[in-house]
Amino acid sequence: MDGGGGIGELVPTKDSDDVLEEVTLVNDVDLADNSSNGFVIDRHRNRLLLAVGDLLGNRYSALVAYDLSTWSHLFLTVLSSHNDVAVDTQGNAYVSDAKGGKIWIVDVNGKLVYTIRSPLFTSPGWYNNFVSLNGIVYHPDGFLIVIHTFSGFLYKIDANGDISSKVTIIDVSGGNLRFGDGLEFLSPTKISKSKTQYGLLRELGISIWEF
């Protein structure tokens, strides 16, 4: 939710299944004037992890966790920048940093424990790093995939829960992924990518186990 610092649900209206109505689930006054950005549902722990922040001024960023049953506030971890979030089987959260070109690791209790950095996260040319790491997803086989928005690079990262994570670039055929935004696994071998500039979706079949 833009400017509300909360969470909304889209539900069909009574008159038509084609028309969706936004219903506010959480209106967090402590996060007012910030935007709710990437989120992920951690079903094993019945919680929702949400990246929030001031996107335009970059004056505030945080990872917030809410209980899915009561919508009570579980923790808030302040970060210097953010974008999207993924969660592994242990409950560690991985938050992409679109400004700083790194990935924050926040443990299951909300403690910031590590930061993943790599020279590969910085693309040649300053203009290619204005918006860097963006959409991020976790695969059950134990790795992350994250996209670099302005360069279009797609990275595979070993999700070890610490700074030892190995980073490699995934070779993608069929066109550039520049301006890539959100990512989501459609199956163990297919991933979809949204495009910031045009609001488009693209399905990718990637041999991500060859690295």
Protein backbone atom coordinates (compact mmCIF):
# COMPACT_ATOMS: atom_id res chain seq x y z
CA MET A 1 0.00 0.00 0.00
CA ASP A 2 1.47 3.34 -1.05
CA GLY A 3 1.87 5.86 1.73
CA GLY A 4 -0.12 3.85 4.23
CA GLY A 5 2.49 1.57 5.71
CA GLY A 6 0.06 -1.32 5.71
CA ILE A 7 -1.21 -4.46 4.01
CA GLY A 8 -4.24 -4.77 1.76
CA GLU A 9 -6.13 -7.71 0.30
CA LEU A 10 -7.75 -7.75 -3.14
CA VAL A 11 -11.08 -9.57 -3.13
CA PRO A 12 -13.83 -9.92 -5.77
CA THR A 13 -16.77 -7.59 -5.30
CA LYS A 14 -20.27 -8.92 -4.70
CA ASP A 15 -21.43 -7.75 -8.12
CA SER A 16 -18.60 -9.12 -10.26
CA ASP A 17 -15.69 -11.53 -9.94
CA ASP A 18 -13.85 -9.39 -12.51
CA VAL A 19 -13.78 -6.33 -10.25
CA LEU A 20 -11.45 -6.44 -7.26
CA GLU A 21 -11.84 -4.40 -4.12
CA GLU A 22 -8.93 -3.49 -1.87
CA VAL A 23 -9.58 -4.35 1.77
CA THR A 24 -7.15 -3.03 4.39
CA LEU A 25 -5.82 -5.77 6.67
CA VAL A 26 -3.12 -3.80 8.49
CA ASN A 27 -2.81 -0.04 8.88
CA ASP A 28 0.44 0.39 10.78
CA VAL A 29 0.57 3.98 12.04
CA ASP A 30 4.24 3.56 12.94
CA LEU A 31 4.99 3.12 9.23
CA ALA A 32 2.78 5.89 7.88
CA ASP A 33 4.10 7.79 4.83
CA ASN A 34 6.15 4.75 3.77
CA SER A 35 5.37 2.36 0.94
CA SER A 36 4.77 -1.36 1.30
CA ASN A 37 6.91 -3.06 -1.32
CA GLY A 38 8.03 -6.67 -1.68
CA PHE A 39 6.50 -9.29 0.60
CA VAL A 40 6.57 -13.04 1.11
CA ILE A 41 4.38 -15.43 3.09
CA ASP A 42 6.24 -17.75 5.45
CA ARG A 43 3.59 -20.47 5.77
CA HIS A 44 5.66 -22.70 8.06
CA ARG A 45 5.63 -19.96 10.69
CA ASN A 46 2.25 -18.44 9.78
CA ARG A 47 3.64 -14.99 9.15
CA LEU A 48 4.03 -12.38 6.43
CA LEU A 49 7.34 -10.59 5.85
CA LEU A 50 7.08 -7.14 4.32
CA ALA A 51 9.71 -4.71 3.04
CA VAL A 52 8.65 -1.12 3.67
CA GLY A 53 10.31 2.22 3.14
CA ASP A 54 10.48 5.68 1.68
CA LEU A 55 11.17 4.89 -1.97
CA LEU A 56 11.59 8.45 -3.19
CA GLY A 57 13.63 9.98 -0.40
CA ASN A 58 15.30 6.77 0.80
CA ARG A 59 15.06 8.11 4.35
CA TYR A 60 13.69 4.94 5.91
CA SER A 61 13.68 1.20 5.19
CA ALA A 62 12.71 -1.81 7.25
CA LEU A 63 11.64 -5.44 7.23
CA VAL A 64 8.43 -6.06 9.17
CA ALA A 65 6.87 -9.37 10.20
CA TYR A 66 3.17 -9.90 10.95
CA ASP A 67 1.26 -12.89 12.29
CA LEU A 68 -1.14 -14.13 9.59
CA SER A 69 -3.86 -15.10 12.06
CA THR A 70 -3.98 -11.98 14.23
CA TRP A 71 -1.99 -9.49 12.09
CA SER A 72 -0.06 -8.65 15.23
CA HIS A 73 3.36 -7.07 14.83
CA LEU A 74 6.14 -9.68 15.38
CA PHE A 75 9.26 -7.62 14.69
CA LEU A 76 10.62 -4.63 12.80
CA THR A 77 14.23 -4.58 11.58
CA VAL A 78 15.53 -1.23 10.35
CA LEU A 79 17.67 -1.33 7.18
CA SER A 80 19.37 1.40 5.16
CA SER A 81 17.65 0.42 1.91
CA HIS A 82 15.40 -2.35 0.63
CA ASN A 83 13.25 -3.67 -2.20
CA ASP A 84 12.02 -7.26 -2.17
CA VAL A 85 12.18 -10.17 0.29
CA ALA A 86 12.44 -13.97 0.21
CA VAL A 87 12.48 -16.51 3.04
CA ASP A 88 14.25 -19.88 3.35
CA THR A 89 13.18 -23.06 5.13
CA GLN A 90 14.90 -21.97 8.35
CA GLY A 91 12.99 -18.70 8.48
CA ASN A 92 15.91 -16.50 7.42
CA ALA A 93 14.78 -13.53 5.35
CA TYR A 94 16.79 -12.21 2.40
CA VAL A 95 16.09 -8.57 1.53
CA SER A 96 17.39 -7.14 -1.74
CA ASP A 97 18.91 -3.66 -1.56
CA ALA A 98 18.13 -1.77 -4.75
CA LYS A 99 20.27 1.23 -3.80
CA GLY A 100 23.31 -0.41 -2.23
CA GLY A 101 23.56 -3.51 -4.41
CA LYS A 102 23.61 -6.08 -1.61
CA ILE A 103 21.36 -8.55 0.19
CA TRP A 104 20.50 -8.27 3.87
CA ILE A 105 20.06 -11.49 5.86
CA VAL A 106 17.64 -11.24 8.80
CA ASP A 107 17.21 -14.29 11.02
CA VAL A 108 13.92 -15.84 12.13
CA ASN A 109 13.76 -13.56 15.18
CA GLY A 110 14.30 -10.35 13.24
CA LYS A 111 18.00 -9.87 13.94
CA LEU A 112 20.15 -8.53 11.09
CA VAL A 113 22.96 -11.09 10.99
CA TYR A 114 24.80 -10.88 7.66
CA THR A 115 25.09 -8.99 4.39
CA ILE A 116 25.78 -10.70 1.06
CA ARG A 117 28.02 -8.61 -1.20
CA SER A 118 29.62 -9.45 -4.54
CA PRO A 119 31.50 -7.54 -7.26
CA LEU A 120 29.04 -9.14 -9.69
CA PHE A 121 26.23 -7.06 -8.17
CA THR A 122 27.81 -3.89 -9.64
CA SER A 123 27.33 -3.53 -13.39
CA PRO A 124 29.66 -1.47 -15.61
CA GLY A 125 28.48 2.14 -15.88
CA TRP A 126 26.97 4.13 -13.02
CA TYR A 127 23.69 4.45 -14.93
CA ASN A 128 23.28 0.67 -14.78
CA ASN A 129 23.24 0.74 -10.98
CA PHE A 130 20.64 3.41 -10.33
CA VAL A 131 18.28 0.54 -9.42
CA SER A 132 20.24 -2.64 -8.82
CA LEU A 133 19.06 -5.76 -6.96
CA ASN A 134 15.30 -6.10 -7.08
CA GLY A 135 13.05 -9.18 -7.25
CA ILE A 136 14.30 -12.13 -5.19
CA VAL A 137 13.00 -15.69 -4.68
CA TYR A 138 14.13 -18.76 -2.73
CA HIS A 139 14.21 -22.25 -4.23
CA PRO A 140 13.66 -25.31 -1.97
CA ASP A 141 16.96 -26.76 -3.21
CA GLY A 142 18.72 -24.08 -1.17
CA PHE A 143 19.51 -21.15 -3.42
CA LEU A 144 18.23 -17.68 -4.25
CA ILE A 145 17.60 -16.03 -7.59
CA VAL A 146 17.69 -12.24 -7.75
CA ILE A 147 17.44 -9.83 -10.67
CA HIS A 148 19.42 -6.64 -11.27
CA THR A 149 16.85 -4.21 -12.67
CA PHE A 150 18.88 -1.79 -14.77
CA SER A 151 21.40 -4.27 -16.19
CA GLY A 152 19.01 -7.21 -16.56
CA PHE A 153 21.46 -9.67 -14.99
CA LEU A 154 20.00 -12.67 -13.17
CA TYR A 155 22.00 -14.13 -10.28
CA LYS A 156 22.00 -17.47 -8.51
CA ILE A 157 23.11 -17.28 -4.86
CA ASP A 158 23.73 -20.19 -2.51
CA ALA A 159 21.45 -19.51 0.46
CA ASN A 160 23.70 -20.54 3.34
CA GLY A 161 22.29 -17.99 5.75
CA ASP A 162 25.69 -16.31 6.01
CA ILE A 163 28.25 -14.31 4.03
CA SER A 164 29.84 -17.41 2.44
CA SER A 165 27.11 -17.51 -0.21
CA LYS A 166 28.47 -18.16 -3.71
CA VAL A 167 27.19 -15.82 -6.43
CA THR A 168 27.01 -16.72 -10.14
CA ILE A 169 25.37 -15.11 -13.17
CA ILE A 170 22.67 -17.16 -14.90
CA ASP A 171 22.87 -17.30 -18.68
CA VAL A 172 19.41 -16.40 -20.02
CA SER A 173 18.51 -16.81 -23.69
CA GLY A 174 15.67 -15.16 -25.56
CA GLY A 175 16.23 -11.49 -24.87
CA ASN A 176 17.44 -8.99 -22.30
CA LEU A 177 15.90 -8.86 -18.81
CA ARG A 178 16.54 -5.14 -18.38
CA PHE A 179 13.99 -3.41 -16.12
CA GLY A 180 13.12 -6.73 -14.51
CA ASP A 181 11.18 -6.39 -11.28
CA GLY A 182 9.40 -9.10 -9.29
CA LEU A 183 10.24 -12.80 -9.62
CA GLU A 184 8.15 -15.87 -8.81
CA PHE A 185 8.69 -19.59 -9.33
CA LEU A 186 5.98 -21.18 -11.49
CA SER A 187 7.52 -24.63 -11.04
CA PRO A 188 10.89 -26.01 -9.88
CA THR A 189 12.34 -25.23 -13.33
CA LYS A 190 10.36 -22.17 -14.46
CA ILE A 191 10.31 -18.64 -13.15
CA SER A 192 8.22 -15.62 -14.12
CA LYS A 193 9.52 -12.05 -14.26
CA SER A 194 7.54 -8.84 -14.20
CA LYS A 195 8.85 -5.79 -16.03
CA THR A 196 8.81 -2.49 -14.17
CA GLN A 197 8.49 -0.22 -17.18
CA TYR A 198 5.56 -1.91 -18.88
CA GLY A 199 3.92 -4.10 -16.24
CA LEU A 200 4.59 -7.20 -18.35
CA LEU A 201 5.14 -10.80 -17.31
CA ARG A 202 7.65 -13.10 -18.95
CA GLU A 203 8.09 -16.80 -18.30
CA LEU A 204 11.66 -18.09 -18.16
CA GLY A 205 12.80 -21.69 -18.41
CA ILE A 206 16.23 -21.72 -16.79
CA SER A 207 18.81 -24.46 -16.28
CA ILE A 208 19.66 -23.20 -12.81
CA TRP A 209 21.19 -26.45 -11.59
CA GLU A 210 24.15 -26.29 -13.96
CA PHE A 211 26.06 -23.76 -11.85
